[in-house]
Amino acid sequence: MAVMEKMWDGISRVIRMDNKVELLAETVKEQQFKIEDLTARIIRLETALEISLAGRGFKAQKKLKKE
């Protein structure tokens, strides 16, 4: 009986562990989507900033040429 109990305990631990691994995989997938979304947002912000700074630089150069 002790051997069967140990086997059953080992099998049930593996089943619980499998469930935890599956939950962890889902969490990792969700986090990866969030990271990719944030990366895309940062790229858009950087682009907008560069365009804004380039526009200011162009206007400043125009003003300097007029003077």
PDB file of N, CA and C in Angstrom:
ATOM      1  N   MET A   1       0.804  -1.200   0.000  1.00  0.00           N
ATOM      2  CA  MET A   1       0.000   0.000   0.000  1.00  0.00           C
ATOM      3  C   MET A   1       0.847   1.264   0.000  1.00  0.00           C
ATOM      4  N   ALA A   2       1.960   1.251   0.715  1.00  0.00           N
ATOM      5  CA  ALA A   2       2.796   2.448   0.804  1.00  0.00           C
ATOM      6  C   ALA A   2       3.353   2.823  -0.569  1.00  0.00           C
ATOM      7  N   VAL A   3       3.686   1.794  -1.358  1.00  0.00           N
ATOM      8  CA  VAL A   3       4.226   2.050  -2.695  1.00  0.00           C
ATOM      9  C   VAL A   3       3.163   2.698  -3.574  1.00  0.00           C
ATOM     10  N   MET A   4       1.939   2.216  -3.492  1.00  0.00           N
ATOM     11  CA  MET A   4       0.854   2.787  -4.297  1.00  0.00           C
ATOM     12  C   MET A   4       0.565   4.229  -3.884  1.00  0.00           C
ATOM     13  N   GLU A   5       0.615   4.504  -2.602  1.00  0.00           N
ATOM     14  CA  GLU A   5       0.383   5.863  -2.122  1.00  0.00           C
ATOM     15  C   GLU A   5       1.465   6.801  -2.633  1.00  0.00           C
ATOM     16  N   LYS A   6       2.710   6.342  -2.589  1.00  0.00           N
ATOM     17  CA  LYS A   6       3.820   7.164  -3.087  1.00  0.00           C
ATOM     18  C   LYS A   6       3.674   7.405  -4.590  1.00  0.00           C
ATOM     19  N   MET A   7       3.277   6.380  -5.325  1.00  0.00           N
ATOM     20  CA  MET A   7       3.077   6.543  -6.770  1.00  0.00           C
ATOM     21  C   MET A   7       1.942   7.520  -7.045  1.00  0.00           C
ATOM     22  N   TRP A   8       0.841   7.348  -6.328  1.00  0.00           N
ATOM     23  CA  TRP A   8      -0.301   8.236  -6.516  1.00  0.00           C
ATOM     24  C   TRP A   8       0.076   9.679  -6.166  1.00  0.00           C
ATOM     25  N   ASP A   9       0.834   9.861  -5.093  1.00  0.00           N
ATOM     26  CA  ASP A   9       1.286  11.188  -4.689  1.00  0.00           C
ATOM     27  C   ASP A   9       2.168  11.800  -5.776  1.00  0.00           C
ATOM     28  N   GLY A  10       3.064  11.009  -6.331  1.00  0.00           N
ATOM     29  CA  GLY A  10       3.943  11.505  -7.401  1.00  0.00           C
ATOM     30  C   GLY A  10       3.162  11.890  -8.648  1.00  0.00           C
ATOM     31  N   ILE A  11       2.206  11.054  -9.023  1.00  0.00           N
ATOM     32  CA  ILE A  11       1.384  11.344 -10.209  1.00  0.00           C
ATOM     33  C   ILE A  11       0.545  12.600  -9.996  1.00  0.00           C
ATOM     34  N   SER A  12      -0.042  12.724  -8.802  1.00  0.00           N
ATOM     35  CA  SER A  12      -0.872  13.917  -8.549  1.00  0.00           C
ATOM     36  C   SER A  12      -0.019  15.181  -8.523  1.00  0.00           C
ATOM     37  N   ARG A  13       1.212  15.091  -8.039  1.00  0.00           N
ATOM     38  CA  ARG A  13       2.108  16.259  -8.069  1.00  0.00           C
ATOM     39  C   ARG A  13       2.430  16.664  -9.505  1.00  0.00           C
ATOM     40  N   VAL A  14       2.680  15.674 -10.342  1.00  0.00           N
ATOM     41  CA  VAL A  14       2.975  15.970 -11.749  1.00  0.00           C
ATOM     42  C   VAL A  14       1.770  16.634 -12.419  1.00  0.00           C
ATOM     43  N   ILE A  15       0.578  16.161 -12.124  1.00  0.00           N
ATOM     44  CA  ILE A  15      -0.634  16.745 -12.708  1.00  0.00           C
ATOM     45  C   ILE A  15      -0.798  18.186 -12.242  1.00  0.00           C
ATOM     46  N   ARG A  16      -0.593  18.442 -10.950  1.00  0.00           N
ATOM     47  CA  ARG A  16      -0.691  19.815 -10.440  1.00  0.00           C
ATOM     48  C   ARG A  16       0.378  20.704 -11.060  1.00  0.00           C
ATOM     49  N   MET A  17       1.579  20.150 -11.214  1.00  0.00           N
ATOM     50  CA  MET A  17       2.667  20.908 -11.796  1.00  0.00           C
ATOM     51  C   MET A  17       2.355  21.255 -13.257  1.00  0.00           C
ATOM     52  N   ASP A  18       1.774  20.316 -13.980  1.00  0.00           N
ATOM     53  CA  ASP A  18       1.408  20.553 -15.372  1.00  0.00           C
ATOM     54  C   ASP A  18       0.408  21.707 -15.468  1.00  0.00           C
ATOM     55  N   ASN A  19      -0.548  21.733 -14.567  1.00  0.00           N
ATOM     56  CA  ASN A  19      -1.537  22.805 -14.550  1.00  0.00           C
ATOM     57  C   ASN A  19      -0.860  24.155 -14.291  1.00  0.00           C
ATOM     58  N   LYS A  20       0.089  24.179 -13.360  1.00  0.00           N
ATOM     59  CA  LYS A  20       0.804  25.418 -13.052  1.00  0.00           C
ATOM     60  C   LYS A  20       1.645  25.875 -14.247  1.00  0.00           C
ATOM     61  N   VAL A  21       2.260  24.937 -14.936  1.00  0.00           N
ATOM     62  CA  VAL A  21       3.070  25.275 -16.109  1.00  0.00           C
ATOM     63  C   VAL A  21       2.188  25.863 -17.209  1.00  0.00           C
ATOM     64  N   GLU A  22       1.012  25.294 -17.405  1.00  0.00           N
ATOM     65  CA  GLU A  22       0.092  25.825 -18.412  1.00  0.00           C
ATOM     66  C   GLU A  22      -0.360  27.241 -18.052  1.00  0.00           C
ATOM     67  N   LEU A  23      -0.668  27.478 -16.781  1.00  0.00           N
ATOM     68  CA  LEU A  23      -1.046  28.829 -16.347  1.00  0.00           C
ATOM     69  C   LEU A  23       0.110  29.804 -16.537  1.00  0.00           C
ATOM     70  N   LEU A  24       1.312  29.365 -16.230  1.00  0.00           N
ATOM     71  CA  LEU A  24       2.487  30.207 -16.409  1.00  0.00           C
ATOM     72  C   LEU A  24       2.705  30.539 -17.880  1.00  0.00           C
ATOM     73  N   ALA A  25       2.493  29.566 -18.748  1.00  0.00           N
ATOM     74  CA  ALA A  25       2.651  29.797 -20.188  1.00  0.00           C
ATOM     75  C   ALA A  25       1.648  30.833 -20.680  1.00  0.00           C
ATOM     76  N   GLU A  26       0.417  30.779 -20.197  1.00  0.00           N
ATOM     77  CA  GLU A  26      -0.590  31.782 -20.572  1.00  0.00           C
ATOM     78  C   GLU A  26      -0.192  33.163 -20.083  1.00  0.00           C
ATOM     79  N   THR A  27       0.312  33.232 -18.862  1.00  0.00           N
ATOM     80  CA  THR A  27       0.749  34.511 -18.303  1.00  0.00           C
ATOM     81  C   THR A  27       1.902  35.089 -19.114  1.00  0.00           C
ATOM     82  N   VAL A  28       2.836  34.244 -19.481  1.00  0.00           N
ATOM     83  CA  VAL A  28       3.980  34.697 -20.275  1.00  0.00           C
ATOM     84  C   VAL A  28       3.508  35.209 -21.635  1.00  0.00           C
ATOM     85  N   LYS A  29       2.557  34.518 -22.234  1.00  0.00           N
ATOM     86  CA  LYS A  29       2.023  34.938 -23.531  1.00  0.00           C
ATOM     87  C   LYS A  29       1.360  36.311 -23.411  1.00  0.00           C
ATOM     88  N   GLU A  30       0.562  36.507 -22.364  1.00  0.00           N
ATOM     89  CA  GLU A  30      -0.090  37.804 -22.153  1.00  0.00           C
ATOM     90  C   GLU A  30       0.942  38.912 -21.946  1.00  0.00           C
ATOM     91  N   GLN A  31       1.966  38.627 -21.158  1.00  0.00           N
ATOM     92  CA  GLN A  31       3.005  39.621 -20.915  1.00  0.00           C
ATOM     93  C   GLN A  31       3.758  39.953 -22.199  1.00  0.00           C
ATOM     94  N   GLN A  32       3.981  38.964 -23.030  1.00  0.00           N
ATOM     95  CA  GLN A  32       4.664  39.202 -24.302  1.00  0.00           C
ATOM     96  C   GLN A  32       3.847  40.128 -25.191  1.00  0.00           C
ATOM     97  N   PHE A  33       2.517  39.929 -25.233  1.00  0.00           N
ATOM     98  CA  PHE A  33       1.652  40.826 -26.007  1.00  0.00           C
ATOM     99  C   PHE A  33       1.725  42.244 -25.460  1.00  0.00           C
ATOM    100  N   LYS A  34       1.737  42.385 -24.139  1.00  0.00           N
ATOM    101  CA  LYS A  34       1.830  43.715 -23.530  1.00  0.00           C
ATOM    102  C   LYS A  34       3.151  44.391 -23.867  1.00  0.00           C
ATOM    103  N   ILE A  35       4.229  43.613 -23.820  1.00  0.00           N
ATOM    104  CA  ILE A  35       5.553  44.163 -24.144  1.00  0.00           C
ATOM    105  C   ILE A  35       5.601  44.614 -25.600  1.00  0.00           C
ATOM    106  N   GLU A  36       5.061  43.809 -26.500  1.00  0.00           N
ATOM    107  CA  GLU A  36       5.054  44.178 -27.915  1.00  0.00           C
ATOM    108  C   GLU A  36       4.214  45.429 -28.156  1.00  0.00           C
ATOM    109  N   ASP A  37       3.089  45.543 -27.445  1.00  0.00           N
ATOM    110  CA  ASP A  37       2.241  46.731 -27.573  1.00  0.00           C
ATOM    111  C   ASP A  37       2.976  47.967 -27.067  1.00  0.00           C
ATOM    112  N   LEU A  38       3.629  47.839 -25.921  1.00  0.00           N
ATOM    113  CA  LEU A  38       4.385  48.979 -25.380  1.00  0.00           C
ATOM    114  C   LEU A  38       5.545  49.367 -26.295  1.00  0.00           C
ATOM    115  N   THR A  39       6.187  48.381 -26.888  1.00  0.00           N
ATOM    116  CA  THR A  39       7.278  48.668 -27.817  1.00  0.00           C
ATOM    117  C   THR A  39       6.769  49.466 -29.012  1.00  0.00           C
ATOM    118  N   ALA A  40       5.634  49.063 -29.549  1.00  0.00           N
ATOM    119  CA  ALA A  40       5.050  49.787 -30.682  1.00  0.00           C
ATOM    120  C   ALA A  40       4.674  51.210 -30.279  1.00  0.00           C
ATOM    121  N   ARG A  41       4.138  51.375 -29.083  1.00  0.00           N
ATOM    122  CA  ARG A  41       3.758  52.710 -28.621  1.00  0.00           C
ATOM    123  C   ARG A  41       4.991  53.595 -28.463  1.00  0.00           C
ATOM    124  N   ILE A  42       6.071  53.036 -27.938  1.00  0.00           N
ATOM    125  CA  ILE A  42       7.308  53.810 -27.766  1.00  0.00           C
ATOM    126  C   ILE A  42       7.862  54.222 -29.119  1.00  0.00           C
ATOM    127  N   ILE A  43       7.803  53.329 -30.084  1.00  0.00           N
ATOM    128  CA  ILE A  43       8.280  53.666 -31.428  1.00  0.00           C
ATOM    129  C   ILE A  43       7.479  54.821 -31.996  1.00  0.00           C
ATOM    130  N   ARG A  44       6.151  54.804 -31.817  1.00  0.00           N
ATOM    131  CA  ARG A  44       5.319  55.900 -32.310  1.00  0.00           C
ATOM    132  C   ARG A  44       5.656  57.209 -31.595  1.00  0.00           C
ATOM    133  N   LEU A  45       5.892  57.137 -30.279  1.00  0.00           N
ATOM    134  CA  LEU A  45       6.259  58.346 -29.532  1.00  0.00           C
ATOM    135  C   LEU A  45       7.611  58.902 -29.998  1.00  0.00           C
ATOM    136  N   GLU A  46       8.565  58.018 -30.205  1.00  0.00           N
ATOM    137  CA  GLU A  46       9.876  58.453 -30.682  1.00  0.00           C
ATOM    138  C   GLU A  46       9.763  59.107 -32.054  1.00  0.00           C
ATOM    139  N   THR A  47       8.954  58.528 -32.913  1.00  0.00           N
ATOM    140  CA  THR A  47       8.762  59.086 -34.251  1.00  0.00           C
ATOM    141  C   THR A  47       8.128  60.465 -34.171  1.00  0.00           C
ATOM    142  N   ALA A  48       7.096  60.603 -33.344  1.00  0.00           N
ATOM    143  CA  ALA A  48       6.438  61.899 -33.194  1.00  0.00           C
ATOM    144  C   ALA A  48       7.408  62.936 -32.628  1.00  0.00           C
ATOM    145  N   LEU A  49       8.223  62.532 -31.672  1.00  0.00           N
ATOM    146  CA  LEU A  49       9.209  63.445 -31.090  1.00  0.00           C
ATOM    147  C   LEU A  49      10.238  63.872 -32.127  1.00  0.00           C
ATOM    148  N   GLU A  50      10.738  62.925 -32.903  1.00  0.00           N
ATOM    149  CA  GLU A  50      11.726  63.257 -33.924  1.00  0.00           C
ATOM    150  C   GLU A  50      11.143  64.196 -34.975  1.00  0.00           C
ATOM    151  N   ILE A  51       9.904  63.947 -35.375  1.00  0.00           N
ATOM    152  CA  ILE A  51       9.249  64.824 -36.356  1.00  0.00           C
ATOM    153  C   ILE A  51       9.084  66.210 -35.767  1.00  0.00           C
ATOM    154  N   SER A  52       8.669  66.280 -34.511  1.00  0.00           N
ATOM    155  CA  SER A  52       8.477  67.571 -33.847  1.00  0.00           C
ATOM    156  C   SER A  52       9.793  68.328 -33.734  1.00  0.00           C
ATOM    157  N   LEU A  53      10.831  67.632 -33.323  1.00  0.00           N
ATOM    158  CA  LEU A  53      12.128  68.287 -33.187  1.00  0.00           C
ATOM    159  C   LEU A  53      12.684  68.701 -34.547  1.00  0.00           C
ATOM    160  N   ALA A  54      12.478  67.885 -35.538  1.00  0.00           N
ATOM    161  CA  ALA A  54      12.955  68.233 -36.882  1.00  0.00           C
ATOM    162  C   ALA A  54      12.196  69.449 -37.407  1.00  0.00           C
ATOM    163  N   GLY A  55      10.903  69.515 -37.122  1.00  0.00           N
ATOM    164  CA  GLY A  55      10.107  70.664 -37.547  1.00  0.00           C
ATOM    165  C   GLY A  55      10.559  71.940 -36.869  1.00  0.00           C
ATOM    166  N   ARG A  56      10.886  71.875 -35.618  1.00  0.00           N
ATOM    167  CA  ARG A  56      11.380  73.049 -34.898  1.00  0.00           C
ATOM    168  C   ARG A  56      12.723  73.485 -35.443  1.00  0.00           C
ATOM    169  N   GLY A  57      13.570  72.529 -35.717  1.00  0.00           N
ATOM    170  CA  GLY A  57      14.889  72.855 -36.261  1.00  0.00           C
ATOM    171  C   GLY A  57      14.773  73.514 -37.616  1.00  0.00           C
ATOM    172  N   PHE A  58      13.837  73.054 -38.423  1.00  0.00           N
ATOM    173  CA  PHE A  58      13.633  73.628 -39.749  1.00  0.00           C
ATOM    174  C   PHE A  58      13.125  75.049 -39.625  1.00  0.00           C
ATOM    175  N   LYS A  59      12.185  75.320 -38.731  1.00  0.00           N
ATOM    176  CA  LYS A  59      11.656  76.663 -38.519  1.00  0.00           C
ATOM    177  C   LYS A  59      12.732  77.588 -37.989  1.00  0.00           C
ATOM    178  N   ALA A  60      13.555  77.099 -37.080  1.00  0.00           N
ATOM    179  CA  ALA A  60      14.631  77.926 -36.524  1.00  0.00           C
ATOM    180  C   ALA A  60      15.631  78.285 -37.608  1.00  0.00           C
ATOM    181  N   GLN A  61      15.932  77.370 -38.508  1.00  0.00           N
ATOM    182  CA  GLN A  61      16.852  77.659 -39.596  1.00  0.00           C
ATOM    183  C   GLN A  61      16.259  78.695 -40.546  1.00  0.00           C
ATOM    184  N   LYS A  62      14.958  78.618 -40.781  1.00  0.00           N
ATOM    185  CA  LYS A  62      14.297  79.592 -41.639  1.00  0.00           C
ATOM    186  C   LYS A  62      14.396  80.986 -41.044  1.00  0.00           C
ATOM    187  N   LYS A  63      14.166  81.122 -39.731  1.00  0.00           N
ATOM    188  CA  LYS A  63      14.222  82.413 -39.054  1.00  0.00           C
ATOM    189  C   LYS A  63      15.622  82.976 -39.120  1.00  0.00           C
ATOM    190  N   LEU A  64      16.634  82.136 -38.949  1.00  0.00           N
ATOM    191  CA  LEU A  64      18.013  82.596 -38.992  1.00  0.00           C
ATOM    192  C   LEU A  64      18.367  83.111 -40.387  1.00  0.00           C
ATOM    193  N   LYS A  65      17.863  82.471 -41.427  1.00  0.00           N
ATOM    194  CA  LYS A  65      18.167  82.913 -42.795  1.00  0.00           C
ATOM    195  C   LYS A  65      17.513  84.240 -43.092  1.00  0.00           C
ATOM    196  N   LYS A  66      16.344  84.545 -42.532  1.00  0.00           N
ATOM    197  CA  LYS A  66      15.647  85.797 -42.765  1.00  0.00           C
ATOM    198  C   LYS A  66      16.396  86.963 -42.145  1.00  0.00           C
ATOM    199  N   GLU A  67      17.040  86.733 -41.010  1.00  0.00           N
ATOM    200  CA  GLU A  67      17.737  87.814 -40.308  1.00  0.00           C
ATOM    201  C   GLU A  67      19.002  88.092 -41.000  1.00  0.00           C
TER     202      GLU A  67
END
